[in-house]
Amino acid sequence: MKSPVAIALIIVGGILILGPAISDHLARNQVVKIMTSTDMTSVNLKPAPMSPFYRGGCIVVGFGMVLVAISRSRDAR
């Protein structure tokens, strides 16, 4: 596998792995901003910011992309 392709797979895989954590952070930040600006004391989050199925899918696909890039790069040597 060519180096630019392997690098792209690793970068995109890393983004997919970190995606759920970044999404959670942004969702919490948005809730805090809304609650502090309007003096609210509670908030109802329906639907949840990210489903567990989607979260797991992002992590599995991200790790898969990184593993494919690593394994194919070893074979190219």
C-alpha atoms as a PDB file:
ATOM      1  CA  MET A   1       0.000   0.000   0.000  1.00  0.00           C
ATOM      2  CA  LYS A   2       1.302   3.436  -0.871  1.00  0.00           C
ATOM      3  CA  SER A   3       2.287   5.711   1.985  1.00  0.00           C
ATOM      4  CA  PRO A   4      -0.275   8.494   1.300  1.00  0.00           C
ATOM      5  CA  VAL A   5      -3.112   5.963   1.347  1.00  0.00           C
ATOM      6  CA  ALA A   6      -1.887   4.418   4.591  1.00  0.00           C
ATOM      7  CA  ILE A   7      -1.504   7.839   6.194  1.00  0.00           C
ATOM      8  CA  ALA A   8      -5.008   8.830   5.089  1.00  0.00           C
ATOM      9  CA  LEU A   9      -6.469   5.602   6.499  1.00  0.00           C
ATOM     10  CA  ILE A  10      -4.736   6.158   9.834  1.00  0.00           C
ATOM     11  CA  ILE A  11      -5.873   9.784  10.068  1.00  0.00           C
ATOM     12  CA  VAL A  12      -9.486   9.043   9.147  1.00  0.00           C
ATOM     13  CA  GLY A  13      -9.503   6.001  11.439  1.00  0.00           C
ATOM     14  CA  GLY A  14      -8.229   8.165  14.296  1.00  0.00           C
ATOM     15  CA  ILE A  15     -10.936  10.732  13.637  1.00  0.00           C
ATOM     16  CA  LEU A  16     -13.573   7.986  13.716  1.00  0.00           C
ATOM     17  CA  ILE A  17     -12.179   6.617  16.978  1.00  0.00           C
ATOM     18  CA  LEU A  18     -12.179  10.073  18.597  1.00  0.00           C
ATOM     19  CA  GLY A  19     -15.518  11.078  17.037  1.00  0.00           C
ATOM     20  CA  PRO A  20     -17.783   9.846  19.860  1.00  0.00           C
ATOM     21  CA  ALA A  21     -15.679  11.557  22.541  1.00  0.00           C
ATOM     22  CA  ILE A  22     -15.648  14.821  20.602  1.00  0.00           C
ATOM     23  CA  SER A  23     -19.390  14.566  20.008  1.00  0.00           C
ATOM     24  CA  ASP A  24     -20.043  14.023  23.723  1.00  0.00           C
ATOM     25  CA  HIS A  25     -17.888  17.006  24.625  1.00  0.00           C
ATOM     26  CA  LEU A  26     -19.631  19.292  22.149  1.00  0.00           C
ATOM     27  CA  ALA A  27     -23.090  18.129  23.274  1.00  0.00           C
ATOM     28  CA  ARG A  28     -22.277  18.748  26.942  1.00  0.00           C
ATOM     29  CA  ASN A  29     -20.827  22.145  26.103  1.00  0.00           C
ATOM     30  CA  GLN A  30     -23.990  23.108  24.239  1.00  0.00           C
ATOM     31  CA  VAL A  31     -26.216  21.995  27.142  1.00  0.00           C
ATOM     32  CA  VAL A  32     -24.134  23.969  29.636  1.00  0.00           C
ATOM     33  CA  LYS A  33     -24.295  27.114  27.495  1.00  0.00           C
ATOM     34  CA  ILE A  34     -28.076  26.846  27.157  1.00  0.00           C
ATOM     35  CA  MET A  35     -28.608  26.151  30.853  1.00  0.00           C
ATOM     36  CA  THR A  36     -26.409  29.030  32.018  1.00  0.00           C
ATOM     37  CA  SER A  37     -27.795  31.584  29.575  1.00  0.00           C
ATOM     38  CA  THR A  38     -31.462  30.917  30.412  1.00  0.00           C
ATOM     39  CA  ASP A  39     -31.100  30.020  34.138  1.00  0.00           C
ATOM     40  CA  MET A  40     -32.563  26.558  33.561  1.00  0.00           C
ATOM     41  CA  THR A  41     -32.125  23.891  36.220  1.00  0.00           C
ATOM     42  CA  SER A  42     -32.818  20.759  34.155  1.00  0.00           C
ATOM     43  CA  VAL A  43     -32.810  19.599  30.573  1.00  0.00           C
ATOM     44  CA  ASN A  44     -34.320  16.589  28.810  1.00  0.00           C
ATOM     45  CA  LEU A  45     -32.147  15.030  26.114  1.00  0.00           C
ATOM     46  CA  LYS A  46     -34.393  12.990  23.826  1.00  0.00           C
ATOM     47  CA  PRO A  47     -32.952  11.543  21.673  1.00  0.00           C
ATOM     48  CA  ALA A  48     -29.515  11.111  23.231  1.00  0.00           C
ATOM     49  CA  PRO A  49     -26.628  12.872  21.453  1.00  0.00           C
ATOM     50  CA  MET A  50     -25.193   9.596  20.056  1.00  0.00           C
ATOM     51  CA  SER A  51     -26.586   6.086  20.255  1.00  0.00           C
ATOM     52  CA  PRO A  52     -24.400   3.290  21.671  1.00  0.00           C
ATOM     53  CA  PHE A  53     -24.726   1.360  18.398  1.00  0.00           C
ATOM     54  CA  TYR A  54     -23.377   4.295  16.370  1.00  0.00           C
ATOM     55  CA  ARG A  55     -20.659   4.937  18.973  1.00  0.00           C
ATOM     56  CA  GLY A  56     -19.492   1.311  18.785  1.00  0.00           C
ATOM     57  CA  GLY A  57     -19.620   1.348  15.008  1.00  0.00           C
ATOM     58  CA  CYS A  58     -17.375   4.397  14.819  1.00  0.00           C
ATOM     59  CA  ILE A  59     -14.819   2.821  17.141  1.00  0.00           C
ATOM     60  CA  VAL A  60     -14.824  -0.565  15.375  1.00  0.00           C
ATOM     61  CA  VAL A  61     -14.555   0.931  11.888  1.00  0.00           C
ATOM     62  CA  GLY A  62     -11.834   3.347  13.029  1.00  0.00           C
ATOM     63  CA  PHE A  63      -9.739   0.562  14.534  1.00  0.00           C
ATOM     64  CA  GLY A  64     -10.343  -1.523  11.419  1.00  0.00           C
ATOM     65  CA  MET A  65      -9.047   1.238   9.169  1.00  0.00           C
ATOM     66  CA  VAL A  66      -5.924   1.680  11.274  1.00  0.00           C
ATOM     67  CA  LEU A  67      -5.278  -2.081  11.354  1.00  0.00           C
ATOM     68  CA  VAL A  68      -5.714  -2.381   7.580  1.00  0.00           C
ATOM     69  CA  ALA A  69      -3.277   0.478   7.005  1.00  0.00           C
ATOM     70  CA  ILE A  70      -0.699  -1.066   9.338  1.00  0.00           C
ATOM     71  CA  SER A  71      -1.013  -4.603   7.982  1.00  0.00           C
ATOM     72  CA  ARG A  72      -0.928  -3.552   4.315  1.00  0.00           C
ATOM     73  CA  SER A  73       2.052  -1.269   4.926  1.00  0.00           C
ATOM     74  CA  ARG A  74       4.014  -4.163   6.392  1.00  0.00           C
ATOM     75  CA  ASP A  75       3.311  -6.315   3.313  1.00  0.00           C
ATOM     76  CA  ALA A  76       4.555  -3.608   0.957  1.00  0.00           C
ATOM     77  CA  ARG A  77       8.101  -3.712   2.340  1.00  0.00           C
END
